[in-house]
PDB file of N, CA and C in Angstrom:
ATOM      1  N   ALA A   1      98.098  86.471  86.003  1.00  0.00           N
ATOM      2  CA  ALA A   1      99.311  87.217  86.277  1.00  0.00           C
ATOM      3  C   ALA A   1      99.866  86.770  87.629  1.00  0.00           C
ATOM      4  N   PRO A   2     101.080  86.262  87.654  1.00  0.00           N
ATOM      5  CA  PRO A   2     101.667  85.770  88.907  1.00  0.00           C
ATOM      6  C   PRO A   2     101.780  86.841  89.986  1.00  0.00           C
ATOM      7  N   ILE A   3     102.030  88.085  89.573  1.00  0.00           N
ATOM      8  CA  ILE A   3     102.139  89.160  90.569  1.00  0.00           C
ATOM      9  C   ILE A   3     100.813  89.363  91.286  1.00  0.00           C
ATOM     10  N   ALA A   4      99.709  89.158  90.580  1.00  0.00           N
ATOM     11  CA  ALA A   4      98.392  89.318  91.200  1.00  0.00           C
ATOM     12  C   ALA A   4      98.198  88.290  92.309  1.00  0.00           C
ATOM     13  N   TRP A   5      98.567  87.044  92.038  1.00  0.00           N
ATOM     14  CA  TRP A   5      98.376  86.006  93.047  1.00  0.00           C
ATOM     15  C   TRP A   5      99.287  86.225  94.243  1.00  0.00           C
ATOM     16  N   SER A   6     100.517  86.662  94.003  1.00  0.00           N
ATOM     17  CA  SER A   6     101.411  86.978  95.113  1.00  0.00           C
ATOM     18  C   SER A   6     100.827  88.106  95.955  1.00  0.00           C
ATOM     19  N   ASN A   7     100.284  89.106  95.283  1.00  0.00           N
ATOM     20  CA  ASN A   7      99.652  90.234  95.974  1.00  0.00           C
ATOM     21  C   ASN A   7      98.467  89.753  96.801  1.00  0.00           C
ATOM     22  N   PHE A   8      97.610  88.908  96.217  1.00  0.00           N
ATOM     23  CA  PHE A   8      96.441  88.388  96.943  1.00  0.00           C
ATOM     24  C   PHE A   8      96.868  87.623  98.189  1.00  0.00           C
ATOM     25  N   HIS A   9      97.865  86.767  98.044  1.00  0.00           N
ATOM     26  CA  HIS A   9      98.303  85.949  99.174  1.00  0.00           C
ATOM     27  C   HIS A   9      98.929  86.798 100.272  1.00  0.00           C
ATOM     28  N   LEU A  10      99.761  87.722  99.899  1.00  0.00           N
ATOM     29  CA  LEU A  10     100.441  88.562 100.882  1.00  0.00           C
ATOM     30  C   LEU A  10      99.453  89.472 101.622  1.00  0.00           C
ATOM     31  N   ILE A  11      98.647  90.182 100.895  1.00  0.00           N
ATOM     32  CA  ILE A  11      97.691  91.094 101.524  1.00  0.00           C
ATOM     33  C   ILE A  11      96.606  90.305 102.254  1.00  0.00           C
ATOM     34  N   GLY A  12      96.183  89.178 101.697  1.00  0.00           N
ATOM     35  CA  GLY A  12      95.190  88.337 102.373  1.00  0.00           C
ATOM     36  C   GLY A  12      95.698  87.820 103.709  1.00  0.00           C
ATOM     37  N   ALA A  13      96.940  87.368 103.736  1.00  0.00           N
ATOM     38  CA  ALA A  13      97.529  86.907 105.003  1.00  0.00           C
ATOM     39  C   ALA A  13      97.628  88.065 105.991  1.00  0.00           C
ATOM     40  N   GLY A  14      98.001  89.227 105.495  1.00  0.00           N
ATOM     41  CA  GLY A  14      98.055  90.404 106.361  1.00  0.00           C
ATOM     42  C   GLY A  14      96.700  90.769 106.923  1.00  0.00           C
ATOM     43  N   LEU A  15      95.667  90.666 106.104  1.00  0.00           N
ATOM     44  CA  LEU A  15      94.309  90.956 106.587  1.00  0.00           C
ATOM     45  C   LEU A  15      93.859  89.957 107.650  1.00  0.00           C
ATOM     46  N   VAL A  16      94.219  88.696 107.473  1.00  0.00           N
ATOM     47  CA  VAL A  16      93.871  87.685 108.485  1.00  0.00           C
ATOM     48  C   VAL A  16      94.551  88.010 109.808  1.00  0.00           C
ATOM     49  N   VAL A  17      95.836  88.331 109.759  1.00  0.00           N
ATOM     50  CA  VAL A  17      96.577  88.672 110.983  1.00  0.00           C
ATOM     51  C   VAL A  17      95.977  89.913 111.638  1.00  0.00           C
ATOM     52  N   LEU A  18      95.665  90.929 110.834  1.00  0.00           N
ATOM     53  CA  LEU A  18      95.079  92.150 111.394  1.00  0.00           C
ATOM     54  C   LEU A  18      93.701  91.904 111.983  1.00  0.00           C
ATOM     55  N   ALA A  19      92.901  91.058 111.342  1.00  0.00           N
ATOM     56  CA  ALA A  19      91.570  90.757 111.860  1.00  0.00           C
ATOM     57  C   ALA A  19      91.654  90.024 113.199  1.00  0.00           C
ATOM     58  N   ILE A  20      92.576  89.093 113.299  1.00  0.00           N
ATOM     59  CA  ILE A  20      92.765  88.386 114.574  1.00  0.00           C
ATOM     60  C   ILE A  20      93.242  89.362 115.640  1.00  0.00           C
ATOM     61  N   ARG A  21      94.165  90.222 115.264  1.00  0.00           N
ATOM     62  CA  ARG A  21      94.662  91.234 116.207  1.00  0.00           C
ATOM     63  C   ARG A  21      93.530  92.160 116.652  1.00  0.00           C
ATOM     64  N   ALA A  22      92.690  92.583 115.710  1.00  0.00           N
ATOM     65  CA  ALA A  22      91.579  93.471 116.048  1.00  0.00           C
ATOM     66  C   ALA A  22      90.593  92.795 117.003  1.00  0.00           C
ATOM     67  N   PHE A  23      90.421  91.505 116.864  1.00  0.00           N
ATOM     68  CA  PHE A  23      89.477  90.782 117.709  1.00  0.00           C
ATOM     69  C   PHE A  23      90.017  90.606 119.131  1.00  0.00           C
ATOM     70  N   TYR A  24      91.257  90.173 119.255  1.00  0.00           N
ATOM     71  CA  TYR A  24      91.812  89.855 120.567  1.00  0.00           C
ATOM     72  C   TYR A  24      92.502  91.038 121.247  1.00  0.00           C
ATOM     73  N   PHE A  25      93.096  91.929 120.465  1.00  0.00           N
ATOM     74  CA  PHE A  25      93.834  93.067 121.021  1.00  0.00           C
ATOM     75  C   PHE A  25      93.449  94.341 120.278  1.00  0.00           C
ATOM     76  N   PRO A  26      92.227  94.833 120.495  1.00  0.00           N
ATOM     77  CA  PRO A  26      91.779  95.998 119.730  1.00  0.00           C
ATOM     78  C   PRO A  26      92.633  97.239 120.020  1.00  0.00           C
ATOM     79  N   GLN A  27      93.071  97.874 118.974  1.00  0.00           N
ATOM     80  CA  GLN A  27      93.844  99.103 119.069  1.00  0.00           C
ATOM     81  C   GLN A  27      93.349 100.050 117.983  1.00  0.00           C
ATOM     82  N   VAL A  28      93.589 101.324 118.177  1.00  0.00           N
ATOM     83  CA  VAL A  28      93.083 102.343 117.259  1.00  0.00           C
ATOM     84  C   VAL A  28      93.624 102.160 115.843  1.00  0.00           C
ATOM     85  N   TRP A  29      94.871 101.745 115.701  1.00  0.00           N
ATOM     86  CA  TRP A  29      95.506 101.695 114.388  1.00  0.00           C
ATOM     87  C   TRP A  29      95.095 100.492 113.545  1.00  0.00           C
ATOM     88  N   VAL A  30      94.550  99.439 114.162  1.00  0.00           N
ATOM     89  CA  VAL A  30      94.264  98.203 113.415  1.00  0.00           C
ATOM     90  C   VAL A  30      93.201  98.404 112.332  1.00  0.00           C
ATOM     91  N   PRO A  31      92.052  99.036 112.627  1.00  0.00           N
ATOM     92  CA  PRO A  31      91.086  99.247 111.533  1.00  0.00           C
ATOM     93  C   PRO A  31      91.645 100.110 110.404  1.00  0.00           C
ATOM     94  N   TRP A  32      92.517 101.055 110.753  1.00  0.00           N
ATOM     95  CA  TRP A  32      93.148 101.883 109.717  1.00  0.00           C
ATOM     96  C   TRP A  32      94.069 101.037 108.841  1.00  0.00           C
ATOM     97  N   ALA A  33      94.775 100.105 109.442  1.00  0.00           N
ATOM     98  CA  ALA A  33      95.647  99.219 108.673  1.00  0.00           C
ATOM     99  C   ALA A  33      94.826  98.303 107.766  1.00  0.00           C
ATOM    100  N   ILE A  34      93.691  97.835 108.266  1.00  0.00           N
ATOM    101  CA  ILE A  34      92.801  97.005 107.446  1.00  0.00           C
ATOM    102  C   ILE A  34      92.272  97.817 106.266  1.00  0.00           C
ATOM    103  N   ALA A  35      91.891  99.071 106.531  1.00  0.00           N
ATOM    104  CA  ALA A  35      91.412  99.943 105.457  1.00  0.00           C
ATOM    105  C   ALA A  35      92.511 100.185 104.426  1.00  0.00           C
ATOM    106  N   ALA A  36      93.748 100.358 104.891  1.00  0.00           N
ATOM    107  CA  ALA A  36      94.867 100.571 103.963  1.00  0.00           C
ATOM    108  C   ALA A  36      95.091  99.343 103.085  1.00  0.00           C
ATOM    109  N   CYS A  37      95.016  98.162 103.683  1.00  0.00           N
ATOM    110  CA  CYS A  37      95.159  96.924 102.892  1.00  0.00           C
ATOM    111  C   CYS A  37      94.035  96.811 101.867  1.00  0.00           C
ATOM    112  N   GLY A  38      92.817  97.135 102.292  1.00  0.00           N
ATOM    113  CA  GLY A  38      91.689  97.102 101.365  1.00  0.00           C
ATOM    114  C   GLY A  38      91.837  98.106 100.245  1.00  0.00           C
ATOM    115  N   GLY A  39      92.308  99.300 100.586  1.00  0.00           N
ATOM    116  CA  GLY A  39      92.551 100.307  99.562  1.00  0.00           C
ATOM    117  C   GLY A  39      93.599  99.859  98.561  1.00  0.00           C
ATOM    118  N   TRP A  40      94.648  99.218  99.090  1.00  0.00           N
ATOM    119  CA  TRP A  40      95.689  98.699  98.194  1.00  0.00           C
ATOM    120  C   TRP A  40      95.118  97.626  97.267  1.00  0.00           C
ATOM    121  N   LEU A  41      94.311  96.719  97.819  1.00  0.00           N
ATOM    122  CA  LEU A  41      93.716  95.685  96.962  1.00  0.00           C
ATOM    123  C   LEU A  41      92.875  96.312  95.858  1.00  0.00           C
ATOM    124  N   ALA A  42      92.160  97.386  96.185  1.00  0.00           N
ATOM    125  CA  ALA A  42      91.283  98.020  95.201  1.00  0.00           C
ATOM    126  C   ALA A  42      92.064  98.697  94.080  1.00  0.00           C
ATOM    127  N   ILE A  43      93.233  99.261  94.384  1.00  0.00           N
ATOM    128  CA  ILE A  43      93.996  99.961  93.333  1.00  0.00           C
ATOM    129  C   ILE A  43      95.100  99.107  92.718  1.00  0.00           C
ATOM    130  N   SER A  44      95.372  97.950  93.309  1.00  0.00           N
ATOM    131  CA  SER A  44      96.497  97.135  92.842  1.00  0.00           C
ATOM    132  C   SER A  44      96.392  96.651  91.393  1.00  0.00           C
ATOM    133  N   PRO A  45      95.202  96.431  90.827  1.00  0.00           N
ATOM    134  CA  PRO A  45      95.199  96.021  89.418  1.00  0.00           C
ATOM    135  C   PRO A  45      95.896  97.036  88.504  1.00  0.00           C
ATOM    136  N   TRP A  46      95.766  98.309  88.831  1.00  0.00           N
ATOM    137  CA  TRP A  46      96.410  99.334  88.010  1.00  0.00           C
ATOM    138  C   TRP A  46      97.846  99.568  88.462  1.00  0.00           C
ATOM    139  N   ALA A  47      98.066  99.530  89.766  1.00  0.00           N
ATOM    140  CA  ALA A  47      99.415  99.773  90.288  1.00  0.00           C
ATOM    141  C   ALA A  47     100.385  98.663  89.870  1.00  0.00           C
ATOM    142  N   LEU A  48      99.901  97.430  89.853  1.00  0.00           N
ATOM    143  CA  LEU A  48     100.744  96.289  89.491  1.00  0.00           C
ATOM    144  C   LEU A  48     100.545  95.841  88.044  1.00  0.00           C
ATOM    145  N   GLU A  49      99.733  96.576  87.307  1.00  0.00           N
ATOM    146  CA  GLU A  49      99.515  96.371  85.872  1.00  0.00           C
ATOM    147  C   GLU A  49      98.956  94.997  85.509  1.00  0.00           C
ATOM    148  N   PHE A  50      97.929  94.574  86.264  1.00  0.00           N
ATOM    149  CA  PHE A  50      97.214  93.374  85.844  1.00  0.00           C
ATOM    150  C   PHE A  50      95.735  93.674  85.614  1.00  0.00           C
ATOM    151  N   ALA A  51      95.432  94.940  85.324  1.00  0.00           N
ATOM    152  CA  ALA A  51      94.044  95.353  85.109  1.00  0.00           C
ATOM    153  C   ALA A  51      93.433  94.706  83.867  1.00  0.00           C
ATOM    154  N   ASP A  52      94.261  94.260  82.927  1.00  0.00           N
ATOM    155  CA  ASP A  52      93.725  93.612  81.730  1.00  0.00           C
ATOM    156  C   ASP A  52      93.236  92.184  82.011  1.00  0.00           C
ATOM    157  N   HIS A  53      93.562  91.645  83.170  1.00  0.00           N
ATOM    158  CA  HIS A  53      93.032  90.343  83.599  1.00  0.00           C
ATOM    159  C   HIS A  53      91.751  90.609  84.380  1.00  0.00           C
ATOM    160  N   VAL A  54      90.631  90.537  83.683  1.00  0.00           N
ATOM    161  CA  VAL A  54      89.356  91.000  84.222  1.00  0.00           C
ATOM    162  C   VAL A  54      88.961  90.272  85.506  1.00  0.00           C
ATOM    163  N   SER A  55      89.068  88.967  85.533  1.00  0.00           N
ATOM    164  CA  SER A  55      88.649  88.197  86.702  1.00  0.00           C
ATOM    165  C   SER A  55      89.490  88.552  87.930  1.00  0.00           C
ATOM    166  N   GLN A  56      90.804  88.586  87.772  1.00  0.00           N
ATOM    167  CA  GLN A  56      91.682  88.909  88.895  1.00  0.00           C
ATOM    168  C   GLN A  56      91.468  90.344  89.353  1.00  0.00           C
ATOM    169  N   SER A  57      91.265  91.247  88.427  1.00  0.00           N
ATOM    170  CA  SER A  57      91.013  92.641  88.781  1.00  0.00           C
ATOM    171  C   SER A  57      89.707  92.781  89.551  1.00  0.00           C
ATOM    172  N   ALA A  58      88.672  92.117  89.065  1.00  0.00           N
ATOM    173  CA  ALA A  58      87.373  92.201  89.732  1.00  0.00           C
ATOM    174  C   ALA A  58      87.451  91.650  91.159  1.00  0.00           C
ATOM    175  N   HIS A  59      88.101  90.518  91.318  1.00  0.00           N
ATOM    176  CA  HIS A  59      88.232  89.948  92.657  1.00  0.00           C
ATOM    177  C   HIS A  59      89.015  90.874  93.582  1.00  0.00           C
ATOM    178  N   SER A  60      90.056  91.477  93.072  1.00  0.00           N
ATOM    179  CA  SER A  60      90.868  92.376  93.870  1.00  0.00           C
ATOM    180  C   SER A  60      90.074  93.608  94.287  1.00  0.00           C
ATOM    181  N   ILE A  61      89.350  94.188  93.361  1.00  0.00           N
ATOM    182  CA  ILE A  61      88.559  95.384  93.663  1.00  0.00           C
ATOM    183  C   ILE A  61      87.450  95.054  94.654  1.00  0.00           C
ATOM    184  N   ILE A  62      86.743  93.957  94.435  1.00  0.00           N
ATOM    185  CA  ILE A  62      85.648  93.571  95.336  1.00  0.00           C
ATOM    186  C   ILE A  62      86.177  93.279  96.732  1.00  0.00           C
ATOM    187  N   ALA A  63      87.274  92.535  96.840  1.00  0.00           N
ATOM    188  CA  ALA A  63      87.850  92.235  98.153  1.00  0.00           C
ATOM    189  C   ALA A  63      88.311  93.515  98.851  1.00  0.00           C
ATOM    190  N   GLY A  64      88.883  94.436  98.085  1.00  0.00           N
ATOM    191  CA  GLY A  64      89.318  95.703  98.657  1.00  0.00           C
ATOM    192  C   GLY A  64      88.169  96.527  99.187  1.00  0.00           C
ATOM    193  N   VAL A  65      87.103  96.614  98.418  1.00  0.00           N
ATOM    194  CA  VAL A  65      85.925  97.372  98.855  1.00  0.00           C
ATOM    195  C   VAL A  65      85.312  96.740 100.103  1.00  0.00           C
ATOM    196  N   ILE A  66      85.262  95.417 100.146  1.00  0.00           N
ATOM    197  CA  ILE A  66      84.719  94.732 101.328  1.00  0.00           C
ATOM    198  C   ILE A  66      85.593  95.006 102.548  1.00  0.00           C
ATOM    199  N   ALA A  67      86.912  94.926 102.397  1.00  0.00           N
ATOM    200  CA  ALA A  67      87.815  95.170 103.527  1.00  0.00           C
ATOM    201  C   ALA A  67      87.662  96.592 104.051  1.00  0.00           C
ATOM    202  N   VAL A  68      87.615  97.555 103.145  1.00  0.00           N
ATOM    203  CA  VAL A  68      87.439  98.949 103.574  1.00  0.00           C
ATOM    204  C   VAL A  68      86.085  99.119 104.246  1.00  0.00           C
ATOM    205  N   SER A  69      85.037  98.555 103.668  1.00  0.00           N
ATOM    206  CA  SER A  69      83.692  98.677 104.243  1.00  0.00           C
ATOM    207  C   SER A  69      83.616  98.085 105.644  1.00  0.00           C
ATOM    208  N   LEU A  70      84.256  96.945 105.838  1.00  0.00           N
ATOM    209  CA  LEU A  70      84.209  96.311 107.153  1.00  0.00           C
ATOM    210  C   LEU A  70      85.094  97.013 108.179  1.00  0.00           C
ATOM    211  N   SER A  71      86.044  97.820 107.725  1.00  0.00           N
ATOM    212  CA  SER A  71      86.904  98.540 108.666  1.00  0.00           C
ATOM    213  C   SER A  71      86.271  99.839 109.157  1.00  0.00           C
ATOM    214  N   VAL A  72      85.293 100.353 108.445  1.00  0.00           N
ATOM    215  CA  VAL A  72      84.693 101.648 108.798  1.00  0.00           C
ATOM    216  C   VAL A  72      84.084 101.651 110.205  1.00  0.00           C
ATOM    217  N   PRO A  73      83.303 100.651 110.601  1.00  0.00           N
ATOM    218  CA  PRO A  73      82.784 100.680 111.978  1.00  0.00           C
ATOM    219  C   PRO A  73      83.894 100.687 113.029  1.00  0.00           C
ATOM    220  N   GLY A  74      84.965  99.988 112.760  1.00  0.00           N
ATOM    221  CA  GLY A  74      86.096  99.979 113.688  1.00  0.00           C
ATOM    222  C   GLY A  74      86.786 101.328 113.772  1.00  0.00           C
ATOM    223  N   ILE A  75      86.856 102.010 112.649  1.00  0.00           N
ATOM    224  CA  ILE A  75      87.479 103.348 112.623  1.00  0.00           C
ATOM    225  C   ILE A  75      86.635 104.335 113.412  1.00  0.00           C
ATOM    226  N   TYR A  76      85.343 104.321 113.171  1.00  0.00           N
ATOM    227  CA  TYR A  76      84.471 105.275 113.886  1.00  0.00           C
ATOM    228  C   TYR A  76      84.274 104.877 115.336  1.00  0.00           C
ATOM    229  N   GLY A  77      84.318 103.587 115.627  1.00  0.00           N
ATOM    230  CA  GLY A  77      84.198 103.122 117.010  1.00  0.00           C
ATOM    231  C   GLY A  77      85.450 103.342 117.816  1.00  0.00           C
ATOM    232  N   ALA A  78      86.586 103.527 117.144  1.00  0.00           N
ATOM    233  CA  ALA A  78      87.869 103.676 117.828  1.00  0.00           C
ATOM    234  C   ALA A  78      88.085 105.072 118.381  1.00  0.00           C
ATOM    235  N   LYS A  79      87.246 106.025 118.042  1.00  0.00           N
ATOM    236  CA  LYS A  79      87.457 107.398 118.481  1.00  0.00           C
ATOM    237  C   LYS A  79      87.361 107.547 119.988  1.00  0.00           C
ATOM    238  N   GLY A  80      86.599 106.679 120.629  1.00  0.00           N
ATOM    239  CA  GLY A  80      86.438 106.771 122.073  1.00  0.00           C
ATOM    240  C   GLY A  80      87.557 106.125 122.872  1.00  0.00           C
ATOM    241  N   ARG A  81      88.472 105.408 122.216  1.00  0.00           N
ATOM    242  CA  ARG A  81      89.527 104.695 122.930  1.00  0.00           C
ATOM    243  C   ARG A  81      90.702 105.562 123.236  1.00  0.00           C
TER     244      ARG A  81
END
């Protein structure tokens, strides 16, 4: 599904930019934005109606769960800032 690949590229590029920003310029909102991108990746197969493409759906869900999981330490660590 072409929409799936566009979604992967757009959100993936956004995650790269946010990760670089989090590394060099840590701010409270960056881990939350990463979590939001990950959440979107996890639900996008149904939101964009490509859930019937099993491989693309699985990759999207797995990438989303990983992004959210990796943002959690940043979210809890950001409370002191």
